[in-house]
Amino acid sequence: MKLSRLLLALALSCVGGCATERAVFGLAPGQQSAPDTRPKTKTVRLPRTWPFVVQASAAEPDLPPWTVPSAKPARMLKEALSPTELFKKVGPAVYTVLGQRGAHEVGSQGSAVAVSSKEAITNCHVVAQAKVITLANAGATLRAELIAADRKTDRCTLRVLDGELEPVPGVRDYTTLEVGEAVFTIGSPKGLVNTLGQGVLSGLRRSEDDVEYIQITAPVSEGSSGGGVFDDRGNLIGVATFTIRDGQNLNFAIAASRFWR
């Protein structure tokens, strides 16, 4: 089945750590099959990589170059969990991110997901302008620094300066996902630390330069950027990134596996 050639003018907004912006996000006229290992999965081509590329300004230092996190969580969870069990298992790996531009000025608030005892992944628009970065959840409050960034795809990696993080057990690859799967979000919308949301995977999207996005119906709000999107077993499948305003449950995450490329 093919999509209409009509370009849809959609109001987009990132969901934490930045001002609301507007852009035209066109849907490509056709669909592209996923890799051969998943012949039944379809991905829709998108004409842009990311509608909110973080722009450097004269007032902020350059971001560090992109490098993949030191280790990819390797343990894959195979048993379906109840929402309560899932939250208990992976909730501690999701942190609220506070970015301070000055000693007493909070410039941004978002979320991050720990992928090792020292590293967490998030969106660059959450931390790009921060001079002081803090990660916090019910178990700890830790100082962190930005160690890797890719403005084009809005991927950033943080490293804690004191203490240790509790990482997610496993990361599931984009090519294994199917539309219709149950998904769960954990983040800090409006500063409400570790809020659990539930929905379905409603679309698999790919930009012209092969950056993978996951469309979900699970709720995300301002402050959710950088938070985790999980399958029903607790495997990390995405990092919440933006939502389409004036729509219903049109929320998007960059594929978690993209952070290791």
C-alpha atoms as a PDB file:
ATOM      1  CA  MET A   1       0.000   0.000   0.000  1.00  0.00           C
ATOM      2  CA  LYS A   2       1.318   3.457  -0.870  1.00  0.00           C
ATOM      3  CA  LEU A   3       0.930   6.719   0.994  1.00  0.00           C
ATOM      4  CA  SER A   4      -0.495   9.794  -0.698  1.00  0.00           C
ATOM      5  CA  ARG A   5       2.022  12.138  -2.315  1.00  0.00           C
ATOM      6  CA  LEU A   6       0.486  15.017  -0.439  1.00  0.00           C
ATOM      7  CA  LEU A   7       2.978  16.586   1.985  1.00  0.00           C
ATOM      8  CA  LEU A   8       1.490  17.104   5.411  1.00  0.00           C
ATOM      9  CA  ALA A   9       2.330  20.319   7.252  1.00  0.00           C
ATOM     10  CA  LEU A  10       2.659  19.132  10.830  1.00  0.00           C
ATOM     11  CA  ALA A  11       3.405  21.074  13.985  1.00  0.00           C
ATOM     12  CA  LEU A  12       6.251  19.325  15.788  1.00  0.00           C
ATOM     13  CA  SER A  13       7.720  19.850  19.215  1.00  0.00           C
ATOM     14  CA  CYS A  14      10.538  18.279  21.131  1.00  0.00           C
ATOM     15  CA  VAL A  15       9.400  16.928  24.471  1.00  0.00           C
ATOM     16  CA  GLY A  16      11.844  18.375  26.919  1.00  0.00           C
ATOM     17  CA  GLY A  17      14.679  20.846  27.290  1.00  0.00           C
ATOM     18  CA  CYS A  18      13.938  23.182  24.395  1.00  0.00           C
ATOM     19  CA  ALA A  19      11.499  25.784  23.189  1.00  0.00           C
ATOM     20  CA  THR A  20       8.636  24.675  20.960  1.00  0.00           C
ATOM     21  CA  GLU A  21       9.429  24.925  17.268  1.00  0.00           C
ATOM     22  CA  ARG A  22       7.434  24.418  14.078  1.00  0.00           C
ATOM     23  CA  ALA A  23       8.485  22.636  10.909  1.00  0.00           C
ATOM     24  CA  VAL A  24       7.104  20.941   7.818  1.00  0.00           C
ATOM     25  CA  PHE A  25       7.594  17.196   8.018  1.00  0.00           C
ATOM     26  CA  GLY A  26       6.689  15.503   4.745  1.00  0.00           C
ATOM     27  CA  LEU A  27       5.766  11.852   4.359  1.00  0.00           C
ATOM     28  CA  ALA A  28       7.455  10.183   1.417  1.00  0.00           C
ATOM     29  CA  PRO A  29       5.212   8.807  -1.345  1.00  0.00           C
ATOM     30  CA  GLY A  30       6.092   5.149  -0.794  1.00  0.00           C
ATOM     31  CA  GLN A  31       7.195   2.578   1.704  1.00  0.00           C
ATOM     32  CA  GLN A  32      10.448   0.721   2.038  1.00  0.00           C
ATOM     33  CA  SER A  33      10.794  -2.846   3.166  1.00  0.00           C
ATOM     34  CA  ALA A  34      12.809  -3.473   6.287  1.00  0.00           C
ATOM     35  CA  PRO A  35      15.997  -5.596   6.027  1.00  0.00           C
ATOM     36  CA  ASP A  36      15.539  -9.095   4.640  1.00  0.00           C
ATOM     37  CA  THR A  37      15.547 -10.622   8.114  1.00  0.00           C
ATOM     38  CA  ARG A  38      12.132  -9.027   8.688  1.00  0.00           C
ATOM     39  CA  PRO A  39      10.401  -9.121   5.274  1.00  0.00           C
ATOM     40  CA  LYS A  40       6.937  -8.384   6.671  1.00  0.00           C
ATOM     41  CA  THR A  41       7.971  -5.177   8.416  1.00  0.00           C
ATOM     42  CA  LYS A  42       7.540  -1.930   6.484  1.00  0.00           C
ATOM     43  CA  THR A  43       9.291   1.365   7.154  1.00  0.00           C
ATOM     44  CA  VAL A  44       8.080   4.681   5.785  1.00  0.00           C
ATOM     45  CA  ARG A  45      10.682   6.990   4.281  1.00  0.00           C
ATOM     46  CA  LEU A  46      10.946  10.441   5.826  1.00  0.00           C
ATOM     47  CA  PRO A  47      12.589  13.293   3.910  1.00  0.00           C
ATOM     48  CA  ARG A  48      14.438  14.755   6.897  1.00  0.00           C
ATOM     49  CA  THR A  49      16.774  13.321   9.474  1.00  0.00           C
ATOM     50  CA  TRP A  50      15.505  15.362  12.411  1.00  0.00           C
ATOM     51  CA  PRO A  51      13.326  18.455  12.536  1.00  0.00           C
ATOM     52  CA  PHE A  52      15.056  19.992  15.548  1.00  0.00           C
ATOM     53  CA  VAL A  53      18.760  19.897  14.835  1.00  0.00           C
ATOM     54  CA  VAL A  54      20.496  21.553  17.784  1.00  0.00           C
ATOM     55  CA  GLN A  55      22.226  24.667  16.540  1.00  0.00           C
ATOM     56  CA  ALA A  56      25.428  25.912  18.113  1.00  0.00           C
ATOM     57  CA  SER A  57      25.548  29.537  19.204  1.00  0.00           C
ATOM     58  CA  ALA A  58      28.427  31.863  19.898  1.00  0.00           C
ATOM     59  CA  ALA A  59      27.549  31.762  23.602  1.00  0.00           C
ATOM     60  CA  GLU A  60      28.049  28.011  24.014  1.00  0.00           C
ATOM     61  CA  PRO A  61      31.081  25.764  23.500  1.00  0.00           C
ATOM     62  CA  ASP A  62      31.185  23.199  20.737  1.00  0.00           C
ATOM     63  CA  LEU A  63      29.753  19.827  21.638  1.00  0.00           C
ATOM     64  CA  PRO A  64      32.128  16.859  21.802  1.00  0.00           C
ATOM     65  CA  PRO A  65      32.308  14.600  18.721  1.00  0.00           C
ATOM     66  CA  TRP A  66      30.117  11.529  18.507  1.00  0.00           C
ATOM     67  CA  THR A  67      31.449   8.218  19.818  1.00  0.00           C
ATOM     68  CA  VAL A  68      29.345   5.184  20.677  1.00  0.00           C
ATOM     69  CA  PRO A  69      28.786   4.348  24.363  1.00  0.00           C
ATOM     70  CA  SER A  70      31.465   2.066  25.804  1.00  0.00           C
ATOM     71  CA  ALA A  71      29.309  -1.059  25.999  1.00  0.00           C
ATOM     72  CA  LYS A  72      25.924  -2.119  24.678  1.00  0.00           C
ATOM     73  CA  PRO A  73      23.739  -3.880  27.269  1.00  0.00           C
ATOM     74  CA  ALA A  74      23.744  -7.485  26.103  1.00  0.00           C
ATOM     75  CA  ARG A  75      21.243  -9.373  28.250  1.00  0.00           C
ATOM     76  CA  MET A  76      17.939  -9.738  26.403  1.00  0.00           C
ATOM     77  CA  LEU A  77      14.787 -10.189  28.435  1.00  0.00           C
ATOM     78  CA  LYS A  78      12.500 -12.799  26.861  1.00  0.00           C
ATOM     79  CA  GLU A  79       9.582 -13.151  29.259  1.00  0.00           C
ATOM     80  CA  ALA A  80       6.643 -10.737  29.045  1.00  0.00           C
ATOM     81  CA  LEU A  81       6.192  -8.672  32.190  1.00  0.00           C
ATOM     82  CA  SER A  82       3.174  -7.029  33.748  1.00  0.00           C
ATOM     83  CA  PRO A  83       3.353  -3.211  33.767  1.00  0.00           C
ATOM     84  CA  THR A  84       4.124  -3.325  37.499  1.00  0.00           C
ATOM     85  CA  GLU A  85       6.932  -5.859  37.037  1.00  0.00           C
ATOM     86  CA  LEU A  86       8.367  -3.927  34.096  1.00  0.00           C
ATOM     87  CA  PHE A  87       8.442  -0.669  36.018  1.00  0.00           C
ATOM     88  CA  LYS A  88      10.207  -2.294  38.959  1.00  0.00           C
ATOM     89  CA  LYS A  89      12.814  -3.882  36.677  1.00  0.00           C
ATOM     90  CA  VAL A  90      13.751  -0.993  34.393  1.00  0.00           C
ATOM     91  CA  GLY A  91      12.404   2.121  36.148  1.00  0.00           C
ATOM     92  CA  PRO A  92      15.613   2.615  38.181  1.00  0.00           C
ATOM     93  CA  ALA A  93      17.591   2.922  34.925  1.00  0.00           C
ATOM     94  CA  VAL A  94      15.700   6.074  33.877  1.00  0.00           C
ATOM     95  CA  TYR A  95      16.849   9.401  35.331  1.00  0.00           C
ATOM     96  CA  THR A  96      15.622  12.968  35.344  1.00  0.00           C
ATOM     97  CA  VAL A  97      18.141  15.304  33.714  1.00  0.00           C
ATOM     98  CA  LEU A  98      18.563  18.860  34.966  1.00  0.00           C
ATOM     99  CA  GLY A  99      20.698  21.156  32.817  1.00  0.00           C
ATOM    100  CA  GLN A 100      21.870  24.349  34.500  1.00  0.00           C
ATOM    101  CA  ARG A 101      23.187  27.269  32.501  1.00  0.00           C
ATOM    102  CA  GLY A 102      24.461  28.929  35.650  1.00  0.00           C
ATOM    103  CA  ALA A 103      25.007  28.146  39.314  1.00  0.00           C
ATOM    104  CA  HIS A 104      21.359  28.849  40.190  1.00  0.00           C
ATOM    105  CA  GLU A 105      19.656  28.755  36.794  1.00  0.00           C
ATOM    106  CA  VAL A 106      17.941  25.611  35.488  1.00  0.00           C
ATOM    107  CA  GLY A 107      17.939  25.891  31.714  1.00  0.00           C
ATOM    108  CA  SER A 108      16.420  22.544  30.734  1.00  0.00           C
ATOM    109  CA  GLN A 109      14.784  19.433  32.117  1.00  0.00           C
ATOM    110  CA  GLY A 110      14.464  16.083  30.429  1.00  0.00           C
ATOM    111  CA  SER A 111      15.262  12.417  30.914  1.00  0.00           C
ATOM    112  CA  ALA A 112      18.082   9.929  30.271  1.00  0.00           C
ATOM    113  CA  VAL A 113      18.517   6.158  30.248  1.00  0.00           C
ATOM    114  CA  ALA A 114      21.515   4.466  31.847  1.00  0.00           C
ATOM    115  CA  VAL A 115      23.235   1.962  29.555  1.00  0.00           C
ATOM    116  CA  SER A 116      26.216   1.205  31.787  1.00  0.00           C
ATOM    117  CA  SER A 117      27.290   1.936  35.353  1.00  0.00           C
ATOM    118  CA  LYS A 118      28.832   5.218  34.163  1.00  0.00           C
ATOM    119  CA  GLU A 119      26.994   6.237  30.965  1.00  0.00           C
ATOM    120  CA  ALA A 120      23.483   7.359  30.076  1.00  0.00           C
ATOM    121  CA  ILE A 121      21.979   8.269  26.705  1.00  0.00           C
ATOM    122  CA  THR A 122      19.654  11.199  26.050  1.00  0.00           C
ATOM    123  CA  ASN A 123      18.744  13.861  23.457  1.00  0.00           C
ATOM    124  CA  CYS A 124      21.160  16.678  22.704  1.00  0.00           C
ATOM    125  CA  HIS A 125      18.410  19.291  22.894  1.00  0.00           C
ATOM    126  CA  VAL A 126      18.130  18.472  26.607  1.00  0.00           C
ATOM    127  CA  VAL A 127      21.786  19.117  27.485  1.00  0.00           C
ATOM    128  CA  ALA A 128      23.394  21.098  24.642  1.00  0.00           C
ATOM    129  CA  GLN A 129      23.376  24.423  26.492  1.00  0.00           C
ATOM    130  CA  ALA A 130      23.933  23.124  30.010  1.00  0.00           C
ATOM    131  CA  LYS A 131      27.075  23.999  31.952  1.00  0.00           C
ATOM    132  CA  VAL A 132      26.100  21.805  34.908  1.00  0.00           C
ATOM    133  CA  ILE A 133      24.273  18.486  34.399  1.00  0.00           C
ATOM    134  CA  THR A 134      22.592  16.473  37.144  1.00  0.00           C
ATOM    135  CA  LEU A 135      20.990  13.022  36.902  1.00  0.00           C
ATOM    136  CA  ALA A 136      18.453  12.104  39.564  1.00  0.00           C
ATOM    137  CA  ASN A 137      15.875   9.472  40.418  1.00  0.00           C
ATOM    138  CA  ALA A 138      14.458   7.988  43.596  1.00  0.00           C
ATOM    139  CA  GLY A 139      17.746   6.250  44.354  1.00  0.00           C
ATOM    140  CA  ALA A 140      20.470   8.797  43.616  1.00  0.00           C
ATOM    141  CA  THR A 141      21.448  12.299  42.551  1.00  0.00           C
ATOM    142  CA  LEU A 142      24.636  12.357  40.483  1.00  0.00           C
ATOM    143  CA  ARG A 143      26.709  14.931  38.634  1.00  0.00           C
ATOM    144  CA  ALA A 144      27.384  14.193  34.967  1.00  0.00           C
ATOM    145  CA  GLU A 145      29.232  15.523  31.939  1.00  0.00           C
ATOM    146  CA  LEU A 146      28.526  15.439  28.221  1.00  0.00           C
ATOM    147  CA  ILE A 147      31.032  13.152  26.486  1.00  0.00           C
ATOM    148  CA  ALA A 148      29.573  12.517  23.014  1.00  0.00           C
ATOM    149  CA  ALA A 149      27.126  14.317  20.742  1.00  0.00           C
ATOM    150  CA  ASP A 150      25.631  14.072  17.278  1.00  0.00           C
ATOM    151  CA  ARG A 151      23.596  17.215  16.617  1.00  0.00           C
ATOM    152  CA  LYS A 152      22.218  15.865  13.344  1.00  0.00           C
ATOM    153  CA  THR A 153      20.402  12.941  14.962  1.00  0.00           C
ATOM    154  CA  ASP A 154      19.970  14.518  18.438  1.00  0.00           C
ATOM    155  CA  ARG A 155      21.954  11.758  20.180  1.00  0.00           C
ATOM    156  CA  CYS A 156      24.035  12.582  23.248  1.00  0.00           C
ATOM    157  CA  THR A 157      25.851  10.483  25.844  1.00  0.00           C
ATOM    158  CA  LEU A 158      26.478  11.488  29.446  1.00  0.00           C
ATOM    159  CA  ARG A 159      29.018  10.120  31.922  1.00  0.00           C
ATOM    160  CA  VAL A 160      28.543  10.405  35.681  1.00  0.00           C
ATOM    161  CA  LEU A 161      31.329  12.017  37.684  1.00  0.00           C
ATOM    162  CA  ASP A 162      30.457  10.446  41.016  1.00  0.00           C
ATOM    163  CA  GLY A 163      28.667   7.245  41.993  1.00  0.00           C
ATOM    164  CA  GLU A 164      27.224   4.639  39.647  1.00  0.00           C
ATOM    165  CA  LEU A 165      24.110   4.236  37.516  1.00  0.00           C
ATOM    166  CA  GLU A 166      21.780   1.249  37.311  1.00  0.00           C
ATOM    167  CA  PRO A 167      21.724   0.338  33.596  1.00  0.00           C
ATOM    168  CA  VAL A 168      19.012  -1.290  31.501  1.00  0.00           C
ATOM    169  CA  PRO A 169      19.667  -5.017  30.946  1.00  0.00           C
ATOM    170  CA  GLY A 170      19.294  -5.125  27.177  1.00  0.00           C
ATOM    171  CA  VAL A 171      18.817  -3.090  23.986  1.00  0.00           C
ATOM    172  CA  ARG A 172      16.678  -4.522  21.201  1.00  0.00           C
ATOM    173  CA  ASP A 173      17.556  -3.789  17.586  1.00  0.00           C
ATOM    174  CA  TYR A 174      15.235  -1.742  15.382  1.00  0.00           C
ATOM    175  CA  THR A 175      15.136  -4.467  12.713  1.00  0.00           C
ATOM    176  CA  THR A 176      13.435  -6.894  15.130  1.00  0.00           C
ATOM    177  CA  LEU A 177      10.488  -4.618  15.914  1.00  0.00           C
ATOM    178  CA  GLU A 178       6.929  -5.069  14.629  1.00  0.00           C
ATOM    179  CA  VAL A 179       4.044  -2.626  14.389  1.00  0.00           C
ATOM    180  CA  GLY A 180       1.391  -3.514  16.945  1.00  0.00           C
ATOM    181  CA  GLU A 181       3.735  -4.492  19.767  1.00  0.00           C
ATOM    182  CA  ALA A 182       2.972  -3.218  23.257  1.00  0.00           C
ATOM    183  CA  VAL A 183       5.368  -0.490  24.390  1.00  0.00           C
ATOM    184  CA  PHE A 184       6.003   1.383  27.623  1.00  0.00           C
ATOM    185  CA  THR A 185       7.539   4.793  28.242  1.00  0.00           C
ATOM    186  CA  ILE A 186       9.349   5.888  31.388  1.00  0.00           C
ATOM    187  CA  GLY A 187      10.446   9.492  31.759  1.00  0.00           C
ATOM    188  CA  SER A 188       9.892  12.703  33.677  1.00  0.00           C
ATOM    189  CA  PRO A 189       7.089  14.624  31.922  1.00  0.00           C
ATOM    190  CA  LYS A 190       6.628  18.042  33.514  1.00  0.00           C
ATOM    191  CA  GLY A 191       9.224  16.999  36.102  1.00  0.00           C
ATOM    192  CA  LEU A 192       7.141  14.078  37.392  1.00  0.00           C
ATOM    193  CA  VAL A 193      10.008  11.666  37.956  1.00  0.00           C
ATOM    194  CA  ASN A 194       9.699   8.148  36.497  1.00  0.00           C
ATOM    195  CA  THR A 195       6.209   8.325  35.072  1.00  0.00           C
ATOM    196  CA  LEU A 196       5.052   5.120  33.351  1.00  0.00           C
ATOM    197  CA  GLY A 197       3.080   5.240  30.101  1.00  0.00           C
ATOM    198  CA  GLN A 198       1.639   2.451  27.963  1.00  0.00           C
ATOM    199  CA  GLY A 199       0.693   2.152  24.284  1.00  0.00           C
ATOM    200  CA  VAL A 200       1.531   0.352  21.062  1.00  0.00           C
ATOM    201  CA  LEU A 201       4.230   0.630  18.441  1.00  0.00           C
ATOM    202  CA  SER A 202       2.249   2.347  15.701  1.00  0.00           C
ATOM    203  CA  GLY A 203       4.850   2.881  12.998  1.00  0.00           C
ATOM    204  CA  LEU A 204       8.437   2.260  11.907  1.00  0.00           C
ATOM    205  CA  ARG A 205       9.961   5.307  10.228  1.00  0.00           C
ATOM    206  CA  ARG A 206      13.286   5.822   8.493  1.00  0.00           C
ATOM    207  CA  SER A 207      14.833   9.058   7.245  1.00  0.00           C
ATOM    208  CA  GLU A 208      16.499   9.455   3.857  1.00  0.00           C
ATOM    209  CA  ASP A 209      19.896   8.872   5.453  1.00  0.00           C
ATOM    210  CA  ASP A 210      18.670   5.737   7.258  1.00  0.00           C
ATOM    211  CA  VAL A 211      18.128   7.080  10.769  1.00  0.00           C
ATOM    212  CA  GLU A 212      15.443   4.924  12.381  1.00  0.00           C
ATOM    213  CA  TYR A 213      12.511   6.301  14.370  1.00  0.00           C
ATOM    214  CA  ILE A 214       9.793   4.456  16.249  1.00  0.00           C
ATOM    215  CA  GLN A 215       6.270   5.888  16.270  1.00  0.00           C
ATOM    216  CA  ILE A 216       4.299   5.096  19.430  1.00  0.00           C
ATOM    217  CA  THR A 217       0.929   5.848  21.005  1.00  0.00           C
ATOM    218  CA  ALA A 218       2.319   5.752  24.564  1.00  0.00           C
ATOM    219  CA  PRO A 219       2.067   9.269  26.028  1.00  0.00           C
ATOM    220  CA  VAL A 220       5.027  11.636  26.154  1.00  0.00           C
ATOM    221  CA  SER A 221       5.047  15.261  27.280  1.00  0.00           C
ATOM    222  CA  GLU A 222       7.510  18.075  27.871  1.00  0.00           C
ATOM    223  CA  GLY A 223      10.277  16.621  30.032  1.00  0.00           C
ATOM    224  CA  SER A 224      10.022  13.175  28.449  1.00  0.00           C
ATOM    225  CA  SER A 225      12.835  13.800  25.937  1.00  0.00           C
ATOM    226  CA  GLY A 226      15.617  11.288  26.486  1.00  0.00           C
ATOM    227  CA  GLY A 227      13.371   8.899  28.402  1.00  0.00           C
ATOM    228  CA  GLY A 228      13.158   5.195  27.691  1.00  0.00           C
ATOM    229  CA  VAL A 229      10.778   3.345  25.381  1.00  0.00           C
ATOM    230  CA  PHE A 230      10.620  -0.358  26.269  1.00  0.00           C
ATOM    231  CA  ASP A 231       9.028  -3.491  24.845  1.00  0.00           C
ATOM    232  CA  ASP A 232       6.788  -5.602  27.060  1.00  0.00           C
ATOM    233  CA  ARG A 233       9.781  -7.575  28.344  1.00  0.00           C
ATOM    234  CA  GLY A 234      11.735  -4.540  29.498  1.00  0.00           C
ATOM    235  CA  ASN A 235      14.213  -4.296  26.625  1.00  0.00           C
ATOM    236  CA  LEU A 236      15.091  -0.735  25.618  1.00  0.00           C
ATOM    237  CA  ILE A 237      13.909  -0.092  22.042  1.00  0.00           C
ATOM    238  CA  GLY A 238      13.933   3.705  21.792  1.00  0.00           C
ATOM    239  CA  VAL A 239      14.662   7.085  23.336  1.00  0.00           C
ATOM    240  CA  ALA A 240      11.675   9.479  23.357  1.00  0.00           C
ATOM    241  CA  THR A 241      12.496  12.452  21.166  1.00  0.00           C
ATOM    242  CA  PHE A 242       9.565  14.435  19.758  1.00  0.00           C
ATOM    243  CA  THR A 243       5.798  14.571  19.363  1.00  0.00           C
ATOM    244  CA  ILE A 244       3.486  15.988  16.694  1.00  0.00           C
ATOM    245  CA  ARG A 245       1.362  18.731  18.144  1.00  0.00           C
ATOM    246  CA  ASP A 246      -2.303  19.043  17.224  1.00  0.00           C
ATOM    247  CA  GLY A 247      -2.430  15.286  16.640  1.00  0.00           C
ATOM    248  CA  GLN A 248      -3.441  12.395  18.845  1.00  0.00           C
ATOM    249  CA  ASN A 249      -0.786  10.067  20.245  1.00  0.00           C
ATOM    250  CA  LEU A 250       1.706  10.810  17.468  1.00  0.00           C
ATOM    251  CA  ASN A 251       4.909  10.404  19.425  1.00  0.00           C
ATOM    252  CA  PHE A 252       8.370   9.431  18.206  1.00  0.00           C
ATOM    253  CA  ALA A 253      11.567   7.928  19.575  1.00  0.00           C
ATOM    254  CA  ILE A 254      14.929   7.474  17.940  1.00  0.00           C
ATOM    255  CA  ALA A 255      15.750   3.761  17.855  1.00  0.00           C
ATOM    256  CA  ALA A 256      17.927   2.816  20.832  1.00  0.00           C
ATOM    257  CA  SER A 257      20.166   0.619  18.665  1.00  0.00           C
ATOM    258  CA  ARG A 258      21.132   3.757  16.699  1.00  0.00           C
ATOM    259  CA  PHE A 259      23.238   4.920  19.663  1.00  0.00           C
ATOM    260  CA  TRP A 260      25.764   2.152  18.896  1.00  0.00           C
ATOM    261  CA  ARG A 261      26.429   3.263  15.313  1.00  0.00           C
END
